[in-house]
């Protein structure tokens, strides 16, 4: 298994100089959660962006890492606004891997529970999943990427 960190709200921290929440260029939030794991999966930081800023080159970089990896299972920490776009892109490429995208509606720095729960569920699911595919793990659900959507008005993911 390999965890890929691409940023998103999950990782955002408050910058006291700018007064804004920013995506830092580090893996702090994911590393803090992984401290509680008995066996820590490898972690690689890849993009460090708000998902609204992600473009096709960023998605190709993620796909390239997956393609060249010997791992079968991947968890991608991703921003929720374009998670579905990345999931669809990866589903068009990979049929021989388990890829789980997860994130958080609130930054780990503000609410560590949601981010921790989502990452823990995603890792556990990826490890035990026998059916290859691209999945989204959010709001207590883990579903194939095209069966779960972000409800922007309610601020959560829902199964369709």
C-alpha atoms as a PDB file:
ATOM      1  CA  UNK A   1       0.000   0.000   0.000  1.00  0.00           C
ATOM      2  CA  UNK A   2       1.068   3.555  -0.694  1.00  0.00           C
ATOM      3  CA  UNK A   3      -0.556   6.753   0.579  1.00  0.00           C
ATOM      4  CA  UNK A   4      -0.311   9.735  -1.770  1.00  0.00           C
ATOM      5  CA  UNK A   5      -0.924  13.160  -0.245  1.00  0.00           C
ATOM      6  CA  UNK A   6      -2.145  15.783  -2.697  1.00  0.00           C
ATOM      7  CA  UNK A   7      -3.216  18.476  -0.249  1.00  0.00           C
ATOM      8  CA  UNK A   8      -6.798  19.694  -0.061  1.00  0.00           C
ATOM      9  CA  UNK A   9      -8.745  20.912   2.942  1.00  0.00           C
ATOM     10  CA  UNK A  10      -7.592  17.824   4.863  1.00  0.00           C
ATOM     11  CA  UNK A  11      -4.107  19.376   5.110  1.00  0.00           C
ATOM     12  CA  UNK A  12      -4.943  23.094   5.384  1.00  0.00           C
ATOM     13  CA  UNK A  13      -3.458  25.122   8.230  1.00  0.00           C
ATOM     14  CA  UNK A  14      -4.025  28.660   9.384  1.00  0.00           C
ATOM     15  CA  UNK A  15      -1.296  31.099   8.363  1.00  0.00           C
ATOM     16  CA  UNK A  16      -1.150  33.784  11.058  1.00  0.00           C
ATOM     17  CA  UNK A  17       0.656  36.180   8.724  1.00  0.00           C
ATOM     18  CA  UNK A  18      -1.893  36.082   5.889  1.00  0.00           C
ATOM     19  CA  UNK A  19      -4.922  35.211   8.011  1.00  0.00           C
ATOM     20  CA  UNK A  20      -5.877  32.452   5.565  1.00  0.00           C
ATOM     21  CA  UNK A  21      -6.097  28.698   5.518  1.00  0.00           C
ATOM     22  CA  UNK A  22      -3.374  27.436   3.209  1.00  0.00           C
ATOM     23  CA  UNK A  23      -2.256  24.059   1.930  1.00  0.00           C
ATOM     24  CA  UNK A  24       1.261  23.643   3.337  1.00  0.00           C
ATOM     25  CA  UNK A  25       3.990  21.856   1.417  1.00  0.00           C
ATOM     26  CA  UNK A  26       4.324  19.038   3.927  1.00  0.00           C
ATOM     27  CA  UNK A  27       2.622  15.862   5.124  1.00  0.00           C
ATOM     28  CA  UNK A  28       2.069  16.965   8.727  1.00  0.00           C
ATOM     29  CA  UNK A  29      -1.638  16.080   9.015  1.00  0.00           C
ATOM     30  CA  UNK A  30      -1.266  12.630   7.468  1.00  0.00           C
ATOM     31  CA  UNK A  31       1.902  11.926   9.472  1.00  0.00           C
ATOM     32  CA  UNK A  32       0.140  12.862  12.723  1.00  0.00           C
ATOM     33  CA  UNK A  33      -2.672  10.422  11.987  1.00  0.00           C
ATOM     34  CA  UNK A  34      -0.260   7.670  10.964  1.00  0.00           C
ATOM     35  CA  UNK A  35       1.470   7.956  14.380  1.00  0.00           C
ATOM     36  CA  UNK A  36      -1.427   5.953  15.816  1.00  0.00           C
ATOM     37  CA  UNK A  37      -1.054   3.130  13.254  1.00  0.00           C
ATOM     38  CA  UNK A  38       0.708  -0.035  14.382  1.00  0.00           C
ATOM     39  CA  UNK A  39       2.088  -0.529  10.870  1.00  0.00           C
ATOM     40  CA  UNK A  40       2.559   2.724   8.982  1.00  0.00           C
ATOM     41  CA  UNK A  41       2.047   2.515   5.227  1.00  0.00           C
ATOM     42  CA  UNK A  42       4.562   4.425   3.087  1.00  0.00           C
ATOM     43  CA  UNK A  43       3.575   8.040   2.414  1.00  0.00           C
ATOM     44  CA  UNK A  44       4.505  10.292  -0.499  1.00  0.00           C
ATOM     45  CA  UNK A  45       3.570  13.934  -0.918  1.00  0.00           C
ATOM     46  CA  UNK A  46       2.802  14.716  -4.537  1.00  0.00           C
ATOM     47  CA  UNK A  47       0.899  17.919  -5.268  1.00  0.00           C
ATOM     48  CA  UNK A  48       0.106  20.041  -2.174  1.00  0.00           C
ATOM     49  CA  UNK A  49      -2.767  22.037  -3.659  1.00  0.00           C
ATOM     50  CA  UNK A  50      -6.345  22.935  -3.005  1.00  0.00           C
ATOM     51  CA  UNK A  51      -8.194  20.607  -5.351  1.00  0.00           C
ATOM     52  CA  UNK A  52      -9.768  23.575  -7.156  1.00  0.00           C
ATOM     53  CA  UNK A  53      -6.228  24.429  -8.289  1.00  0.00           C
ATOM     54  CA  UNK A  54      -5.445  20.914  -9.512  1.00  0.00           C
ATOM     55  CA  UNK A  55      -5.173  20.449 -13.251  1.00  0.00           C
ATOM     56  CA  UNK A  56      -4.713  17.570 -15.670  1.00  0.00           C
ATOM     57  CA  UNK A  57      -0.929  17.674 -15.249  1.00  0.00           C
ATOM     58  CA  UNK A  58      -1.365  17.077 -11.511  1.00  0.00           C
ATOM     59  CA  UNK A  59      -3.682  14.144 -12.200  1.00  0.00           C
ATOM     60  CA  UNK A  60      -1.218  12.721 -14.726  1.00  0.00           C
ATOM     61  CA  UNK A  61       1.554  12.971 -12.119  1.00  0.00           C
ATOM     62  CA  UNK A  62      -0.552  10.977  -9.642  1.00  0.00           C
ATOM     63  CA  UNK A  63      -1.377   8.406 -12.329  1.00  0.00           C
ATOM     64  CA  UNK A  64       2.297   8.132 -13.272  1.00  0.00           C
ATOM     65  CA  UNK A  65       3.265   7.380  -9.665  1.00  0.00           C
ATOM     66  CA  UNK A  66       0.579   4.693  -9.462  1.00  0.00           C
ATOM     67  CA  UNK A  67       1.551   3.229 -12.834  1.00  0.00           C
ATOM     68  CA  UNK A  68       5.232   2.927 -11.901  1.00  0.00           C
ATOM     69  CA  UNK A  69       4.585   1.572  -8.407  1.00  0.00           C
ATOM     70  CA  UNK A  70       4.679  -2.116  -7.589  1.00  0.00           C
ATOM     71  CA  UNK A  71       1.920  -1.593  -5.014  1.00  0.00           C
ATOM     72  CA  UNK A  72      -1.642  -2.769  -5.641  1.00  0.00           C
ATOM     73  CA  UNK A  73      -3.407  -0.556  -3.079  1.00  0.00           C
ATOM     74  CA  UNK A  74      -3.336   3.234  -2.953  1.00  0.00           C
ATOM     75  CA  UNK A  75      -4.979   5.816  -0.735  1.00  0.00           C
ATOM     76  CA  UNK A  76      -4.998   9.355  -2.100  1.00  0.00           C
ATOM     77  CA  UNK A  77      -5.616  12.249   0.273  1.00  0.00           C
ATOM     78  CA  UNK A  78      -7.375  14.727  -2.008  1.00  0.00           C
ATOM     79  CA  UNK A  79      -9.455  17.878  -1.827  1.00  0.00           C
ATOM     80  CA  UNK A  80     -13.193  17.251  -1.966  1.00  0.00           C
ATOM     81  CA  UNK A  81     -14.126  19.805  -4.636  1.00  0.00           C
ATOM     82  CA  UNK A  82     -12.547  17.890  -7.543  1.00  0.00           C
ATOM     83  CA  UNK A  83     -12.176  14.441  -6.005  1.00  0.00           C
ATOM     84  CA  UNK A  84     -14.697  13.019  -8.484  1.00  0.00           C
ATOM     85  CA  UNK A  85     -12.748  14.379 -11.467  1.00  0.00           C
ATOM     86  CA  UNK A  86      -9.534  12.735 -10.315  1.00  0.00           C
ATOM     87  CA  UNK A  87     -11.373   9.514  -9.473  1.00  0.00           C
ATOM     88  CA  UNK A  88     -12.945   9.359 -12.941  1.00  0.00           C
ATOM     89  CA  UNK A  89      -9.577  10.059 -14.591  1.00  0.00           C
ATOM     90  CA  UNK A  90      -7.883   7.266 -12.634  1.00  0.00           C
ATOM     91  CA  UNK A  91     -10.759   4.842 -13.264  1.00  0.00           C
ATOM     92  CA  UNK A  92     -10.239   5.281 -17.015  1.00  0.00           C
ATOM     93  CA  UNK A  93      -6.595   4.227 -16.654  1.00  0.00           C
ATOM     94  CA  UNK A  94      -6.428   1.560 -13.939  1.00  0.00           C
ATOM     95  CA  UNK A  95      -8.326  -1.715 -13.768  1.00  0.00           C
ATOM     96  CA  UNK A  96      -5.679  -3.662 -11.829  1.00  0.00           C
ATOM     97  CA  UNK A  97      -5.399  -1.585  -8.645  1.00  0.00           C
ATOM     98  CA  UNK A  98      -7.398  -0.580  -5.606  1.00  0.00           C
ATOM     99  CA  UNK A  99      -7.411   3.215  -5.405  1.00  0.00           C
ATOM    100  CA  UNK A 100      -9.261   4.986  -2.608  1.00  0.00           C
ATOM    101  CA  UNK A 101      -9.591   8.760  -2.571  1.00  0.00           C
ATOM    102  CA  UNK A 102     -10.355  10.406   0.745  1.00  0.00           C
ATOM    103  CA  UNK A 103     -10.284  13.890   2.218  1.00  0.00           C
ATOM    104  CA  UNK A 104     -12.008  16.055   4.772  1.00  0.00           C
ATOM    105  CA  UNK A 105     -14.617  18.786   4.818  1.00  0.00           C
ATOM    106  CA  UNK A 106     -12.726  20.482   7.678  1.00  0.00           C
ATOM    107  CA  UNK A 107      -8.941  20.763   8.037  1.00  0.00           C
ATOM    108  CA  UNK A 108      -7.219  18.293  10.375  1.00  0.00           C
ATOM    109  CA  UNK A 109      -5.908  21.330  12.277  1.00  0.00           C
ATOM    110  CA  UNK A 110      -9.494  22.409  13.051  1.00  0.00           C
ATOM    111  CA  UNK A 111     -11.203  19.015  13.455  1.00  0.00           C
ATOM    112  CA  UNK A 112      -8.844  16.061  13.667  1.00  0.00           C
ATOM    113  CA  UNK A 113     -11.662  13.530  14.075  1.00  0.00           C
ATOM    114  CA  UNK A 114     -13.110  13.654  10.546  1.00  0.00           C
ATOM    115  CA  UNK A 115      -9.743  13.544   8.780  1.00  0.00           C
ATOM    116  CA  UNK A 116      -8.512  10.736  11.039  1.00  0.00           C
ATOM    117  CA  UNK A 117     -11.673   8.697  10.563  1.00  0.00           C
ATOM    118  CA  UNK A 118     -11.631   9.087   6.783  1.00  0.00           C
ATOM    119  CA  UNK A 119      -7.961   8.168   6.438  1.00  0.00           C
ATOM    120  CA  UNK A 120      -8.296   5.194   8.786  1.00  0.00           C
ATOM    121  CA  UNK A 121     -11.357   3.879   6.948  1.00  0.00           C
ATOM    122  CA  UNK A 122      -9.675   4.373   3.565  1.00  0.00           C
ATOM    123  CA  UNK A 123      -6.514   2.513   4.607  1.00  0.00           C
ATOM    124  CA  UNK A 124      -8.457  -0.358   6.168  1.00  0.00           C
ATOM    125  CA  UNK A 125     -10.734  -0.682   3.170  1.00  0.00           C
ATOM    126  CA  UNK A 126      -7.864  -0.591   0.676  1.00  0.00           C
ATOM    127  CA  UNK A 127      -5.987  -3.295   2.593  1.00  0.00           C
ATOM    128  CA  UNK A 128      -8.983  -5.625   2.680  1.00  0.00           C
ATOM    129  CA  UNK A 129     -10.538  -4.852  -0.688  1.00  0.00           C
ATOM    130  CA  UNK A 130     -10.499  -7.776  -3.076  1.00  0.00           C
ATOM    131  CA  UNK A 131     -12.196  -6.020  -6.015  1.00  0.00           C
ATOM    132  CA  UNK A 132      -9.988  -3.654  -7.997  1.00  0.00           C
ATOM    133  CA  UNK A 133     -11.421  -0.237  -8.733  1.00  0.00           C
ATOM    134  CA  UNK A 134     -11.475   3.415  -7.782  1.00  0.00           C
ATOM    135  CA  UNK A 135     -13.384   4.287  -4.625  1.00  0.00           C
ATOM    136  CA  UNK A 136     -14.222   7.381  -2.606  1.00  0.00           C
ATOM    137  CA  UNK A 137     -14.180   7.269   1.195  1.00  0.00           C
ATOM    138  CA  UNK A 138     -16.036  10.211   2.741  1.00  0.00           C
ATOM    139  CA  UNK A 139     -18.716  10.871   5.366  1.00  0.00           C
ATOM    140  CA  UNK A 140     -18.618   7.284   6.642  1.00  0.00           C
ATOM    141  CA  UNK A 141     -19.175   5.792   3.181  1.00  0.00           C
ATOM    142  CA  UNK A 142     -16.804   3.880   0.924  1.00  0.00           C
ATOM    143  CA  UNK A 143     -18.264   3.425  -2.528  1.00  0.00           C
ATOM    144  CA  UNK A 144     -17.169   3.111  -6.142  1.00  0.00           C
ATOM    145  CA  UNK A 145     -16.284   6.622  -7.305  1.00  0.00           C
ATOM    146  CA  UNK A 146     -19.399   6.987  -9.478  1.00  0.00           C
ATOM    147  CA  UNK A 147     -21.821   6.008  -6.678  1.00  0.00           C
ATOM    148  CA  UNK A 148     -20.965   8.779  -4.190  1.00  0.00           C
ATOM    149  CA  UNK A 149     -21.181  12.527  -4.721  1.00  0.00           C
ATOM    150  CA  UNK A 150     -20.497  15.680  -2.763  1.00  0.00           C
ATOM    151  CA  UNK A 151     -23.676  17.462  -1.687  1.00  0.00           C
ATOM    152  CA  UNK A 152     -22.379  21.028  -1.600  1.00  0.00           C
ATOM    153  CA  UNK A 153     -25.513  22.470  -0.006  1.00  0.00           C
ATOM    154  CA  UNK A 154     -25.351  20.028   2.945  1.00  0.00           C
ATOM    155  CA  UNK A 155     -21.539  19.892   3.143  1.00  0.00           C
ATOM    156  CA  UNK A 156     -21.237  16.116   2.989  1.00  0.00           C
ATOM    157  CA  UNK A 157     -20.917  13.183   0.629  1.00  0.00           C
ATOM    158  CA  UNK A 158     -23.926  11.025  -0.148  1.00  0.00           C
ATOM    159  CA  UNK A 159     -24.459   7.702  -1.868  1.00  0.00           C
ATOM    160  CA  UNK A 160     -26.520   8.007  -5.025  1.00  0.00           C
END
